PDB file of N, CA and C in Angstrom:
ATOM      1  N   MET A   1     -22.544   8.552 -11.827  1.00  0.00           N
ATOM      2  CA  MET A   1     -22.539   7.106 -11.836  1.00  0.00           C
ATOM      3  C   MET A   1     -21.486   6.513 -10.884  1.00  0.00           C
ATOM      4  N   LEU A   2     -20.274   7.040 -10.917  1.00  0.00           N
ATOM      5  CA  LEU A   2     -19.212   6.532 -10.047  1.00  0.00           C
ATOM      6  C   LEU A   2     -19.469   6.978  -8.616  1.00  0.00           C
ATOM      7  N   ALA A   3     -19.516   6.036  -7.685  1.00  0.00           N
ATOM      8  CA  ALA A   3     -19.824   6.353  -6.288  1.00  0.00           C
ATOM      9  C   ALA A   3     -18.567   6.597  -5.463  1.00  0.00           C
ATOM     10  N   THR A   4     -17.610   5.667  -5.520  1.00  0.00           N
ATOM     11  CA  THR A   4     -16.379   5.793  -4.742  1.00  0.00           C
ATOM     12  C   THR A   4     -15.399   4.727  -5.212  1.00  0.00           C
ATOM     13  N   LEU A   5     -14.185   4.818  -4.772  1.00  0.00           N
ATOM     14  CA  LEU A   5     -13.180   3.809  -5.071  1.00  0.00           C
ATOM     15  C   LEU A   5     -13.392   2.628  -4.132  1.00  0.00           C
ATOM     16  N   ASP A   6     -13.470   1.440  -4.670  1.00  0.00           N
ATOM     17  CA  ASP A   6     -13.676   0.243  -3.863  1.00  0.00           C
ATOM     18  C   ASP A   6     -12.345  -0.377  -3.447  1.00  0.00           C
ATOM     19  N   HIS A   7     -11.466  -0.628  -4.424  1.00  0.00           N
ATOM     20  CA  HIS A   7     -10.163  -1.201  -4.093  1.00  0.00           C
ATOM     21  C   HIS A   7      -9.162  -0.942  -5.218  1.00  0.00           C
ATOM     22  N   VAL A   8      -7.899  -1.123  -4.872  1.00  0.00           N
ATOM     23  CA  VAL A   8      -6.799  -1.072  -5.824  1.00  0.00           C
ATOM     24  C   VAL A   8      -6.117  -2.419  -5.740  1.00  0.00           C
ATOM     25  N   ARG A   9      -5.760  -2.987  -6.897  1.00  0.00           N
ATOM     26  CA  ARG A   9      -5.067  -4.275  -6.908  1.00  0.00           C
ATOM     27  C   ARG A   9      -3.635  -4.065  -7.359  1.00  0.00           C
ATOM     28  N   LEU A  10      -2.716  -4.565  -6.543  1.00  0.00           N
ATOM     29  CA  LEU A  10      -1.301  -4.621  -6.879  1.00  0.00           C
ATOM     30  C   LEU A  10      -0.915  -6.091  -6.951  1.00  0.00           C
ATOM     31  N   THR A  11       0.280  -6.371  -7.378  1.00  0.00           N
ATOM     32  CA  THR A  11       0.719  -7.763  -7.449  1.00  0.00           C
ATOM     33  C   THR A  11       1.985  -7.957  -6.623  1.00  0.00           C
ATOM     34  N   ALA A  12       2.233  -9.197  -6.293  1.00  0.00           N
ATOM     35  CA  ALA A  12       3.418  -9.566  -5.518  1.00  0.00           C
ATOM     36  C   ALA A  12       3.824 -10.972  -5.910  1.00  0.00           C
ATOM     37  N   LEU A  13       5.051 -11.309  -5.654  1.00  0.00           N
ATOM     38  CA  LEU A  13       5.549 -12.648  -5.937  1.00  0.00           C
ATOM     39  C   LEU A  13       4.833 -13.667  -5.065  1.00  0.00           C
ATOM     40  N   ALA A  14       4.352 -14.723  -5.670  1.00  0.00           N
ATOM     41  CA  ALA A  14       3.694 -15.788  -4.910  1.00  0.00           C
ATOM     42  C   ALA A  14       4.628 -16.261  -3.795  1.00  0.00           C
ATOM     43  N   GLY A  15       4.094 -16.403  -2.591  1.00  0.00           N
ATOM     44  CA  GLY A  15       4.867 -16.866  -1.439  1.00  0.00           C
ATOM     45  C   GLY A  15       5.367 -15.761  -0.528  1.00  0.00           C
ATOM     46  N   CYS A  16       5.198 -14.501  -0.927  1.00  0.00           N
ATOM     47  CA  CYS A  16       5.719 -13.418  -0.067  1.00  0.00           C
ATOM     48  C   CYS A  16       4.633 -12.858   0.854  1.00  0.00           C
ATOM     49  N   GLU A  17       3.549 -13.586   1.039  1.00  0.00           N
ATOM     50  CA  GLU A  17       2.459 -13.102   1.883  1.00  0.00           C
ATOM     51  C   GLU A  17       2.894 -12.716   3.301  1.00  0.00           C
ATOM     52  N   PRO A  18       3.797 -13.444   3.956  1.00  0.00           N
ATOM     53  CA  PRO A  18       4.228 -13.013   5.293  1.00  0.00           C
ATOM     54  C   PRO A  18       4.901 -11.632   5.275  1.00  0.00           C
ATOM     55  N   LEU A  19       5.667 -11.332   4.239  1.00  0.00           N
ATOM     56  CA  LEU A  19       6.279 -10.006   4.121  1.00  0.00           C
ATOM     57  C   LEU A  19       5.224  -8.933   3.903  1.00  0.00           C
ATOM     58  N   LEU A  20       4.204  -9.239   3.108  1.00  0.00           N
ATOM     59  CA  LEU A  20       3.117  -8.287   2.870  1.00  0.00           C
ATOM     60  C   LEU A  20       2.371  -7.991   4.161  1.00  0.00           C
ATOM     61  N   ARG A  21       2.067  -9.031   4.941  1.00  0.00           N
ATOM     62  CA  ARG A  21       1.370  -8.850   6.215  1.00  0.00           C
ATOM     63  C   ARG A  21       2.207  -7.999   7.158  1.00  0.00           C
ATOM     64  N   SER A  22       3.493  -8.278   7.224  1.00  0.00           N
ATOM     65  CA  SER A  22       4.375  -7.516   8.100  1.00  0.00           C
ATOM     66  C   SER A  22       4.391  -6.045   7.701  1.00  0.00           C
ATOM     67  N   PHE A  23       4.447  -5.752   6.408  1.00  0.00           N
ATOM     68  CA  PHE A  23       4.510  -4.371   5.933  1.00  0.00           C
ATOM     69  C   PHE A  23       3.173  -3.658   6.086  1.00  0.00           C
ATOM     70  N   TYR A  24       2.117  -4.224   5.508  1.00  0.00           N
ATOM     71  CA  TYR A  24       0.836  -3.516   5.466  1.00  0.00           C
ATOM     72  C   TYR A  24       0.089  -3.530   6.805  1.00  0.00           C
ATOM     73  N   ALA A  25       0.099  -4.648   7.500  1.00  0.00           N
ATOM     74  CA  ALA A  25      -0.629  -4.726   8.776  1.00  0.00           C
ATOM     75  C   ALA A  25       0.226  -4.204   9.932  1.00  0.00           C
ATOM     76  N   ASP A  26       1.402  -4.767  10.103  1.00  0.00           N
ATOM     77  CA  ASP A  26       2.217  -4.411  11.264  1.00  0.00           C
ATOM     78  C   ASP A  26       2.839  -3.017  11.143  1.00  0.00           C
ATOM     79  N   LEU A  27       3.391  -2.689   9.983  1.00  0.00           N
ATOM     80  CA  LEU A  27       4.099  -1.423   9.831  1.00  0.00           C
ATOM     81  C   LEU A  27       3.157  -0.263   9.507  1.00  0.00           C
ATOM     82  N   LEU A  28       2.244  -0.452   8.555  1.00  0.00           N
ATOM     83  CA  LEU A  28       1.334   0.631   8.168  1.00  0.00           C
ATOM     84  C   LEU A  28       0.061   0.684   9.002  1.00  0.00           C
ATOM     85  N   GLY A  29      -0.238  -0.376   9.740  1.00  0.00           N
ATOM     86  CA  GLY A  29      -1.427  -0.375  10.588  1.00  0.00           C
ATOM     87  C   GLY A  29      -2.722  -0.648   9.847  1.00  0.00           C
ATOM     88  N   MET A  30      -2.621  -1.200   8.635  1.00  0.00           N
ATOM     89  CA  MET A  30      -3.839  -1.560   7.912  1.00  0.00           C
ATOM     90  C   MET A  30      -4.381  -2.858   8.490  1.00  0.00           C
ATOM     91  N   ARG A  31      -5.663  -3.096   8.297  1.00  0.00           N
ATOM     92  CA  ARG A  31      -6.295  -4.305   8.810  1.00  0.00           C
ATOM     93  C   ARG A  31      -6.392  -5.328   7.670  1.00  0.00           C
ATOM     94  N   GLU A  32      -5.911  -6.548   7.921  1.00  0.00           N
ATOM     95  CA  GLU A  32      -6.032  -7.598   6.916  1.00  0.00           C
ATOM     96  C   GLU A  32      -7.463  -8.107   6.903  1.00  0.00           C
ATOM     97  N   VAL A  33      -8.024  -8.247   5.726  1.00  0.00           N
ATOM     98  CA  VAL A  33      -9.377  -8.766   5.582  1.00  0.00           C
ATOM     99  C   VAL A  33      -9.324 -10.017   4.721  1.00  0.00           C
ATOM    100  N   THR A  34     -10.300 -10.866   4.905  1.00  0.00           N
ATOM    101  CA  THR A  34     -10.354 -12.115   4.161  1.00  0.00           C
ATOM    102  C   THR A  34     -11.199 -11.933   2.912  1.00  0.00           C
ATOM    103  N   GLY A  35     -10.626 -12.282   1.800  1.00  0.00           N
ATOM    104  CA  GLY A  35     -11.373 -12.236   0.554  1.00  0.00           C
ATOM    105  C   GLY A  35     -12.244 -13.470   0.412  1.00  0.00           C
ATOM    106  N   PRO A  36     -13.109 -13.477  -0.574  1.00  0.00           N
ATOM    107  CA  PRO A  36     -13.937 -14.663  -0.815  1.00  0.00           C
ATOM    108  C   PRO A  36     -13.055 -15.887  -1.042  1.00  0.00           C
ATOM    109  N   HIS A  37     -13.500 -17.027  -0.566  1.00  0.00           N
ATOM    110  CA  HIS A  37     -12.703 -18.256  -0.658  1.00  0.00           C
ATOM    111  C   HIS A  37     -12.248 -18.525  -2.087  1.00  0.00           C
ATOM    112  N   MET A  38     -13.132 -18.308  -3.050  1.00  0.00           N
ATOM    113  CA  MET A  38     -12.779 -18.615  -4.442  1.00  0.00           C
ATOM    114  C   MET A  38     -11.609 -17.753  -4.934  1.00  0.00           C
ATOM    115  N   LEU A  39     -11.385 -16.594  -4.310  1.00  0.00           N
ATOM    116  CA  LEU A  39     -10.248 -15.749  -4.671  1.00  0.00           C
ATOM    117  C   LEU A  39      -9.063 -15.972  -3.736  1.00  0.00           C
ATOM    118  N   ALA A  40      -9.327 -16.261  -2.478  1.00  0.00           N
ATOM    119  CA  ALA A  40      -8.262 -16.438  -1.486  1.00  0.00           C
ATOM    120  C   ALA A  40      -7.350 -17.608  -1.834  1.00  0.00           C
ATOM    121  N   VAL A  41      -7.874 -18.636  -2.480  1.00  0.00           N
ATOM    122  CA  VAL A  41      -7.056 -19.801  -2.815  1.00  0.00           C
ATOM    123  C   VAL A  41      -5.980 -19.468  -3.853  1.00  0.00           C
ATOM    124  N   ARG A  42      -6.095 -18.314  -4.500  1.00  0.00           N
ATOM    125  CA  ARG A  42      -5.097 -17.902  -5.488  1.00  0.00           C
ATOM    126  C   ARG A  42      -3.842 -17.322  -4.836  1.00  0.00           C
ATOM    127  N   GLY A  43      -3.897 -17.038  -3.534  1.00  0.00           N
ATOM    128  CA  GLY A  43      -2.769 -16.432  -2.840  1.00  0.00           C
ATOM    129  C   GLY A  43      -2.927 -14.928  -2.774  1.00  0.00           C
ATOM    130  N   GLY A  44      -1.955 -14.276  -2.160  1.00  0.00           N
ATOM    131  CA  GLY A  44      -2.022 -12.833  -1.990  1.00  0.00           C
ATOM    132  C   GLY A  44      -2.708 -12.472  -0.686  1.00  0.00           C
ATOM    133  N   ARG A  45      -2.917 -11.181  -0.465  1.00  0.00           N
ATOM    134  CA  ARG A  45      -3.545 -10.682   0.751  1.00  0.00           C
ATOM    135  C   ARG A  45      -4.372  -9.445   0.435  1.00  0.00           C
ATOM    136  N   TRP A  46      -5.390  -9.192   1.272  1.00  0.00           N
ATOM    137  CA  TRP A  46      -6.243  -8.012   1.157  1.00  0.00           C
ATOM    138  C   TRP A  46      -6.128  -7.206   2.441  1.00  0.00           C
ATOM    139  N   PHE A  47      -6.067  -5.879   2.299  1.00  0.00           N
ATOM    140  CA  PHE A  47      -5.950  -4.988   3.444  1.00  0.00           C
ATOM    141  C   PHE A  47      -6.904  -3.817   3.278  1.00  0.00           C
ATOM    142  N   THR A  48      -7.304  -3.231   4.410  1.00  0.00           N
ATOM    143  CA  THR A  48      -8.154  -2.051   4.395  1.00  0.00           C
ATOM    144  C   THR A  48      -7.653  -1.066   5.445  1.00  0.00           C
ATOM    145  N   GLY A  49      -8.034   0.198   5.293  1.00  0.00           N
ATOM    146  CA  GLY A  49      -7.654   1.216   6.263  1.00  0.00           C
ATOM    147  C   GLY A  49      -8.383   1.003   7.581  1.00  0.00           C
ATOM    148  N   GLU A  50      -8.020   1.793   8.573  1.00  0.00           N
ATOM    149  CA  GLU A  50      -8.574   1.592   9.915  1.00  0.00           C
ATOM    150  C   GLU A  50     -10.081   1.803   9.986  1.00  0.00           C
ATOM    151  N   HIS A  51     -10.652   2.568   9.071  1.00  0.00           N
ATOM    152  CA  HIS A  51     -12.089   2.811   9.084  1.00  0.00           C
ATOM    153  C   HIS A  51     -12.831   1.987   8.035  1.00  0.00           C
ATOM    154  N   GLY A  52     -12.164   1.006   7.435  1.00  0.00           N
ATOM    155  CA  GLY A  52     -12.819   0.110   6.491  1.00  0.00           C
ATOM    156  C   GLY A  52     -13.126   0.728   5.145  1.00  0.00           C
ATOM    157  N   GLY A  53     -12.372   1.747   4.744  1.00  0.00           N
ATOM    158  CA  GLY A  53     -12.593   2.392   3.455  1.00  0.00           C
ATOM    159  C   GLY A  53     -12.128   1.517   2.304  1.00  0.00           C
ATOM    160  N   ALA A  54     -11.547   2.138   1.322  1.00  0.00           N
ATOM    161  CA  ALA A  54     -11.065   1.415   0.141  1.00  0.00           C
ATOM    162  C   ALA A  54     -10.071   0.333   0.555  1.00  0.00           C
ATOM    163  N   GLN A  55     -10.080  -0.744  -0.193  1.00  0.00           N
ATOM    164  CA  GLN A  55      -9.192  -1.856   0.105  1.00  0.00           C
ATOM    165  C   GLN A  55      -8.016  -1.882  -0.861  1.00  0.00           C
ATOM    166  N   LEU A  56      -6.943  -2.501  -0.394  1.00  0.00           N
ATOM    167  CA  LEU A  56      -5.766  -2.752  -1.204  1.00  0.00           C
ATOM    168  C   LEU A  56      -5.644  -4.263  -1.333  1.00  0.00           C
ATOM    169  N   HIS A  57      -5.754  -4.765  -2.550  1.00  0.00           N
ATOM    170  CA  HIS A  57      -5.646  -6.205  -2.809  1.00  0.00           C
ATOM    171  C   HIS A  57      -4.279  -6.470  -3.422  1.00  0.00           C
ATOM    172  N   LEU A  58      -3.549  -7.402  -2.845  1.00  0.00           N
ATOM    173  CA  LEU A  58      -2.259  -7.793  -3.403  1.00  0.00           C
ATOM    174  C   LEU A  58      -2.374  -9.228  -3.894  1.00  0.00           C
ATOM    175  N   GLY A  59      -2.376  -9.380  -5.199  1.00  0.00           N
ATOM    176  CA  GLY A  59      -2.520 -10.690  -5.806  1.00  0.00           C
ATOM    177  C   GLY A  59      -1.172 -11.339  -6.039  1.00  0.00           C
ATOM    178  N   ALA A  60      -1.113 -12.646  -5.874  1.00  0.00           N
ATOM    179  CA  ALA A  60       0.123 -13.395  -6.066  1.00  0.00           C
ATOM    180  C   ALA A  60       0.293 -13.761  -7.534  1.00  0.00           C
ATOM    181  N   GLU A  61       1.501 -13.531  -8.046  1.00  0.00           N
ATOM    182  CA  GLU A  61       1.812 -13.869  -9.433  1.00  0.00           C
ATOM    183  C   GLU A  61       3.193 -14.481  -9.515  1.00  0.00           C
ATOM    184  N   SER A  62       3.343 -15.381 -10.464  1.00  0.00           N
ATOM    185  CA  SER A  62       4.643 -15.969 -10.732  1.00  0.00           C
ATOM    186  C   SER A  62       4.687 -16.319 -12.217  1.00  0.00           C
ATOM    187  N   PRO A  63       5.552 -15.728 -13.001  1.00  0.00           N
ATOM    188  CA  PRO A  63       6.584 -14.767 -12.595  1.00  0.00           C
ATOM    189  C   PRO A  63       5.967 -13.424 -12.235  1.00  0.00           C
ATOM    190  N   TYR A  64       6.734 -12.635 -11.509  1.00  0.00           N
ATOM    191  CA  TYR A  64       6.245 -11.355 -11.016  1.00  0.00           C
ATOM    192  C   TYR A  64       7.163 -10.226 -11.483  1.00  0.00           C
ATOM    193  N   HIS A  65       6.548  -9.131 -11.926  1.00  0.00           N
ATOM    194  CA  HIS A  65       7.291  -7.940 -12.346  1.00  0.00           C
ATOM    195  C   HIS A  65       6.584  -6.712 -11.779  1.00  0.00           C
ATOM    196  N   PRO A  66       7.178  -6.040 -10.778  1.00  0.00           N
ATOM    197  CA  PRO A  66       6.504  -4.859 -10.209  1.00  0.00           C
ATOM    198  C   PRO A  66       6.416  -3.730 -11.233  1.00  0.00           C
ATOM    199  N   GLY A  67       5.346  -2.943 -11.131  1.00  0.00           N
ATOM    200  CA  GLY A  67       5.208  -1.770 -11.978  1.00  0.00           C
ATOM    201  C   GLY A  67       6.222  -0.712 -11.555  1.00  0.00           C
ATOM    202  N   THR A  68       6.603   0.144 -12.474  1.00  0.00           N
ATOM    203  CA  THR A  68       7.604   1.155 -12.135  1.00  0.00           C
ATOM    204  C   THR A  68       6.982   2.515 -11.833  1.00  0.00           C
ATOM    205  N   ARG A  69       5.818   2.820 -12.396  1.00  0.00           N
ATOM    206  CA  ARG A  69       5.196   4.133 -12.174  1.00  0.00           C
ATOM    207  C   ARG A  69       3.789   4.024 -11.587  1.00  0.00           C
ATOM    208  N   THR A  70       3.094   2.932 -11.830  1.00  0.00           N
ATOM    209  CA  THR A  70       1.745   2.799 -11.296  1.00  0.00           C
ATOM    210  C   THR A  70       1.804   2.695  -9.782  1.00  0.00           C
ATOM    211  N   HIS A  71       0.793   3.258  -9.104  1.00  0.00           N
ATOM    212  CA  HIS A  71       0.804   3.223  -7.641  1.00  0.00           C
ATOM    213  C   HIS A  71      -0.521   3.731  -7.092  1.00  0.00           C
ATOM    214  N   PRO A  72      -0.895   3.249  -5.905  1.00  0.00           N
ATOM    215  CA  PRO A  72      -2.002   3.883  -5.189  1.00  0.00           C
ATOM    216  C   PRO A  72      -1.448   5.058  -4.390  1.00  0.00           C
ATOM    217  N   SER A  73      -2.292   6.028  -4.126  1.00  0.00           N
ATOM    218  CA  SER A  73      -1.934   7.158  -3.284  1.00  0.00           C
ATOM    219  C   SER A  73      -2.784   7.073  -2.022  1.00  0.00           C
ATOM    220  N   LEU A  74      -2.129   7.065  -0.875  1.00  0.00           N
ATOM    221  CA  LEU A  74      -2.813   6.881   0.399  1.00  0.00           C
ATOM    222  C   LEU A  74      -2.684   8.148   1.235  1.00  0.00           C
ATOM    223  N   ARG A  75      -3.813   8.736   1.623  1.00  0.00           N
ATOM    224  CA  ARG A  75      -3.807   9.952   2.432  1.00  0.00           C
ATOM    225  C   ARG A  75      -3.568   9.575   3.887  1.00  0.00           C
ATOM    226  N   VAL A  76      -2.695  10.335   4.548  1.00  0.00           N
ATOM    227  CA  VAL A  76      -2.341  10.060   5.938  1.00  0.00           C
ATOM    228  C   VAL A  76      -2.535  11.315   6.791  1.00  0.00           C
ATOM    229  N   THR A  77      -2.513  11.129   8.109  1.00  0.00           N
ATOM    230  CA  THR A  77      -2.723  12.250   9.020  1.00  0.00           C
ATOM    231  C   THR A  77      -1.428  12.760   9.648  1.00  0.00           C
ATOM    232  N   ASP A  78      -0.372  11.960   9.664  1.00  0.00           N
ATOM    233  CA  ASP A  78       0.913  12.400  10.224  1.00  0.00           C
ATOM    234  C   ASP A  78       2.028  11.867   9.336  1.00  0.00           C
ATOM    235  N   ILE A  79       2.282  12.573   8.259  1.00  0.00           N
ATOM    236  CA  ILE A  79       3.203  12.084   7.231  1.00  0.00           C
ATOM    237  C   ILE A  79       4.641  11.966   7.743  1.00  0.00           C
ATOM    238  N   ASP A  80       5.046  12.860   8.633  1.00  0.00           N
ATOM    239  CA  ASP A  80       6.413  12.795   9.160  1.00  0.00           C
ATOM    240  C   ASP A  80       6.612  11.553  10.026  1.00  0.00           C
ATOM    241  N   ALA A  81       5.638  11.244  10.870  1.00  0.00           N
ATOM    242  CA  ALA A  81       5.736  10.047  11.715  1.00  0.00           C
ATOM    243  C   ALA A  81       5.777   8.785  10.859  1.00  0.00           C
ATOM    244  N   LEU A  82       4.960   8.755   9.802  1.00  0.00           N
ATOM    245  CA  LEU A  82       4.962   7.577   8.929  1.00  0.00           C
ATOM    246  C   LEU A  82       6.293   7.444   8.204  1.00  0.00           C
ATOM    247  N   ALA A  83       6.821   8.548   7.698  1.00  0.00           N
ATOM    248  CA  ALA A  83       8.123   8.500   7.018  1.00  0.00           C
ATOM    249  C   ALA A  83       9.208   8.001   7.970  1.00  0.00           C
ATOM    250  N   ASP A  84       9.202   8.483   9.203  1.00  0.00           N
ATOM    251  CA  ASP A  84      10.183   8.030  10.196  1.00  0.00           C
ATOM    252  C   ASP A  84      10.024   6.537  10.475  1.00  0.00           C
ATOM    253  N   ARG A  85       8.787   6.100  10.617  1.00  0.00           N
ATOM    254  CA  ARG A  85       8.522   4.679  10.893  1.00  0.00           C
ATOM    255  C   ARG A  85       9.011   3.797   9.745  1.00  0.00           C
ATOM    256  N   LEU A  86       8.718   4.195   8.520  1.00  0.00           N
ATOM    257  CA  LEU A  86       9.162   3.419   7.364  1.00  0.00           C
ATOM    258  C   LEU A  86      10.686   3.430   7.250  1.00  0.00           C
ATOM    259  N   ARG A  87      11.282   4.589   7.464  1.00  0.00           N
ATOM    260  CA  ARG A  87      12.737   4.698   7.389  1.00  0.00           C
ATOM    261  C   ARG A  87      13.405   3.797   8.428  1.00  0.00           C
ATOM    262  N   THR A  88      12.819   3.726   9.631  1.00  0.00           N
ATOM    263  CA  THR A  88      13.346   2.854  10.683  1.00  0.00           C
ATOM    264  C   THR A  88      13.360   1.390  10.246  1.00  0.00           C
ATOM    265  N   HIS A  89      12.399   1.029   9.401  1.00  0.00           N
ATOM    266  CA  HIS A  89      12.320  -0.349   8.895  1.00  0.00           C
ATOM    267  C   HIS A  89      12.973  -0.492   7.522  1.00  0.00           C
ATOM    268  N   ARG A  90      13.828   0.451   7.198  1.00  0.00           N
ATOM    269  CA  ARG A  90      14.656   0.436   5.992  1.00  0.00           C
ATOM    270  C   ARG A  90      13.893   0.515   4.680  1.00  0.00           C
ATOM    271  N   ALA A  91      12.699   1.076   4.721  1.00  0.00           N
ATOM    272  CA  ALA A  91      11.963   1.321   3.476  1.00  0.00           C
ATOM    273  C   ALA A  91      12.490   2.623   2.867  1.00  0.00           C
ATOM    274  N   PRO A  92      12.647   2.669   1.559  1.00  0.00           N
ATOM    275  CA  PRO A  92      13.139   3.900   0.937  1.00  0.00           C
ATOM    276  C   PRO A  92      12.083   5.002   0.998  1.00  0.00           C
ATOM    277  N   ILE A  93      12.510   6.214   1.260  1.00  0.00           N
ATOM    278  CA  ILE A  93      11.614   7.377   1.310  1.00  0.00           C
ATOM    279  C   ILE A  93      12.122   8.388   0.291  1.00  0.00           C
ATOM    280  N   VAL A  94      11.268   8.764  -0.647  1.00  0.00           N
ATOM    281  CA  VAL A  94      11.619   9.772  -1.644  1.00  0.00           C
ATOM    282  C   VAL A  94      10.568  10.876  -1.576  1.00  0.00           C
ATOM    283  N   TRP A  95      10.955  12.014  -0.985  1.00  0.00           N
ATOM    284  CA  TRP A  95      10.039  13.139  -0.868  1.00  0.00           C
ATOM    285  C   TRP A  95       9.869  13.790  -2.230  1.00  0.00           C
ATOM    286  N   ASP A  96       8.661  14.298  -2.468  1.00  0.00           N
ATOM    287  CA  ASP A  96       8.347  14.956  -3.734  1.00  0.00           C
ATOM    288  C   ASP A  96       7.490  16.176  -3.432  1.00  0.00           C
ATOM    289  N   GLY A  97       7.969  17.361  -3.773  1.00  0.00           N
ATOM    290  CA  GLY A  97       7.247  18.591  -3.490  1.00  0.00           C
ATOM    291  C   GLY A  97       6.502  19.159  -4.684  1.00  0.00           C
ATOM    292  N   GLN A  98       6.144  18.331  -5.643  1.00  0.00           N
ATOM    293  CA  GLN A  98       5.550  18.825  -6.887  1.00  0.00           C
ATOM    294  C   GLN A  98       4.036  18.829  -6.923  1.00  0.00           C
ATOM    295  N   LEU A  99       3.371  18.517  -5.815  1.00  0.00           N
ATOM    296  CA  LEU A  99       1.908  18.539  -5.778  1.00  0.00           C
ATOM    297  C   LEU A  99       1.472  19.696  -4.875  1.00  0.00           C
ATOM    298  N   PRO A 100       1.014  20.805  -5.456  1.00  0.00           N
ATOM    299  CA  PRO A 100       0.632  21.968  -4.644  1.00  0.00           C
ATOM    300  C   PRO A 100      -0.414  21.611  -3.584  1.00  0.00           C
ATOM    301  N   GLY A 101      -0.230  22.168  -2.385  1.00  0.00           N
ATOM    302  CA  GLY A 101      -1.183  21.963  -1.304  1.00  0.00           C
ATOM    303  C   GLY A 101      -1.027  20.647  -0.566  1.00  0.00           C
ATOM    304  N   HIS A 102       0.046  19.915  -0.845  1.00  0.00           N
ATOM    305  CA  HIS A 102       0.261  18.607  -0.207  1.00  0.00           C
ATOM    306  C   HIS A 102       1.746  18.395   0.090  1.00  0.00           C
ATOM    307  N   ARG A 103       1.997  17.619   1.122  1.00  0.00           N
ATOM    308  CA  ARG A 103       3.322  17.032   1.351  1.00  0.00           C
ATOM    309  C   ARG A 103       3.170  15.575   0.979  1.00  0.00           C
ATOM    310  N   ARG A 104       4.160  15.047   0.269  1.00  0.00           N
ATOM    311  CA  ARG A 104       4.044  13.641  -0.127  1.00  0.00           C
ATOM    312  C   ARG A 104       5.417  13.007  -0.306  1.00  0.00           C
ATOM    313  N   PHE A 105       5.412  11.680  -0.177  1.00  0.00           N
ATOM    314  CA  PHE A 105       6.608  10.893  -0.476  1.00  0.00           C
ATOM    315  C   PHE A 105       6.194   9.580  -1.103  1.00  0.00           C
ATOM    316  N   PHE A 106       7.166   8.936  -1.712  1.00  0.00           N
ATOM    317  CA  PHE A 106       6.983   7.621  -2.311  1.00  0.00           C
ATOM    318  C   PHE A 106       7.869   6.626  -1.594  1.00  0.00           C
ATOM    319  N   THR A 107       7.420   5.365  -1.556  1.00  0.00           N
ATOM    320  CA  THR A 107       8.217   4.278  -1.011  1.00  0.00           C
ATOM    321  C   THR A 107       7.906   3.024  -1.812  1.00  0.00           C
ATOM    322  N   LEU A 108       8.556   1.934  -1.466  1.00  0.00           N
ATOM    323  CA  LEU A 108       8.303   0.635  -2.088  1.00  0.00           C
ATOM    324  C   LEU A 108       7.902  -0.351  -1.015  1.00  0.00           C
ATOM    325  N   ASP A 109       6.938  -1.214  -1.317  1.00  0.00           N
ATOM    326  CA  ASP A 109       6.604  -2.289  -0.384  1.00  0.00           C
ATOM    327  C   ASP A 109       7.590  -3.432  -0.593  1.00  0.00           C
ATOM    328  N   PRO A 110       7.527  -4.498   0.211  1.00  0.00           N
ATOM    329  CA  PRO A 110       8.499  -5.593   0.077  1.00  0.00           C
ATOM    330  C   PRO A 110       8.470  -6.288  -1.283  1.00  0.00           C
ATOM    331  N   ALA A 111       7.368  -6.144  -2.033  1.00  0.00           N
ATOM    332  CA  ALA A 111       7.278  -6.756  -3.356  1.00  0.00           C
ATOM    333  C   ALA A 111       7.766  -5.813  -4.454  1.00  0.00           C
ATOM    334  N   GLY A 112       8.147  -4.591  -4.091  1.00  0.00           N
ATOM    335  CA  GLY A 112       8.618  -3.632  -5.082  1.00  0.00           C
ATOM    336  C   GLY A 112       7.531  -2.740  -5.651  1.00  0.00           C
ATOM    337  N   ASN A 113       6.309  -2.814  -5.094  1.00  0.00           N
ATOM    338  CA  ASN A 113       5.229  -1.938  -5.542  1.00  0.00           C
ATOM    339  C   ASN A 113       5.468  -0.516  -5.038  1.00  0.00           C
ATOM    340  N   ARG A 114       5.267   0.449  -5.909  1.00  0.00           N
ATOM    341  CA  ARG A 114       5.425   1.861  -5.562  1.00  0.00           C
ATOM    342  C   ARG A 114       4.170   2.341  -4.835  1.00  0.00           C
ATOM    343  N   LEU A 115       4.352   3.048  -3.720  1.00  0.00           N
ATOM    344  CA  LEU A 115       3.251   3.597  -2.938  1.00  0.00           C
ATOM    345  C   LEU A 115       3.485   5.085  -2.724  1.00  0.00           C
ATOM    346  N   GLU A 116       2.426   5.869  -2.831  1.00  0.00           N
ATOM    347  CA  GLU A 116       2.503   7.301  -2.549  1.00  0.00           C
ATOM    348  C   GLU A 116       1.717   7.568  -1.267  1.00  0.00           C
ATOM    349  N   PHE A 117       2.289   8.367  -0.378  1.00  0.00           N
ATOM    350  CA  PHE A 117       1.605   8.812   0.824  1.00  0.00           C
ATOM    351  C   PHE A 117       1.559  10.333   0.781  1.00  0.00           C
ATOM    352  N   LEU A 118       0.384  10.896   1.068  1.00  0.00           N
ATOM    353  CA  LEU A 118       0.273  12.347   1.021  1.00  0.00           C
ATOM    354  C   LEU A 118      -0.588  12.878   2.143  1.00  0.00           C
ATOM    355  N   GLN A 119      -0.320  14.155   2.469  1.00  0.00           N
ATOM    356  CA  GLN A 119      -1.071  14.848   3.506  1.00  0.00           C
ATOM    357  C   GLN A 119      -1.311  16.277   3.039  1.00  0.00           C
ATOM    358  N   PRO A 120      -2.576  16.733   3.031  1.00  0.00           N
ATOM    359  CA  PRO A 120      -2.857  18.126   2.666  1.00  0.00           C
ATOM    360  C   PRO A 120      -2.150  19.069   3.636  1.00  0.00           C
ATOM    361  N   THR A 121      -1.778  20.246   3.143  1.00  0.00           N
ATOM    362  CA  THR A 121      -0.999  21.190   3.965  1.00  0.00           C
ATOM    363  C   THR A 121      -1.827  22.385   4.429  1.00  0.00           C
ATOM    364  N   GLY A 122      -3.080  22.275   4.605  1.00  0.00           N
ATOM    365  CA  GLY A 122      -3.764  23.438   5.118  1.00  0.00           C
ATOM    366  C   GLY A 122      -5.182  23.392   4.804  1.00  0.00           C
TER     367      GLY A 122
END
């Protein structure tokens, strides 16, 4: 019955959309997409990977409280280059070697959302 993952929704403080665009589009290279007007008026931003796969929706909330353990996991092709790029922009990088067959790290977006990036090792 389940075909594929369509999107993941995270939250962010209302008004931080420029920071989200800078992080997800400019830094991570995701493409910003426009949501339906009836949803876009609520604030937030939507992003998709370079090939238009699953989307990441960031909804605006006030008051806002980031989750501490929930997170999307994003597969990448050059994990070291991405870690270096994020580190250059002062994003925290926490490597985790507990997933067999993968290299992975965690970081936080400007809204405090936890993100996992992973790359298979063979």
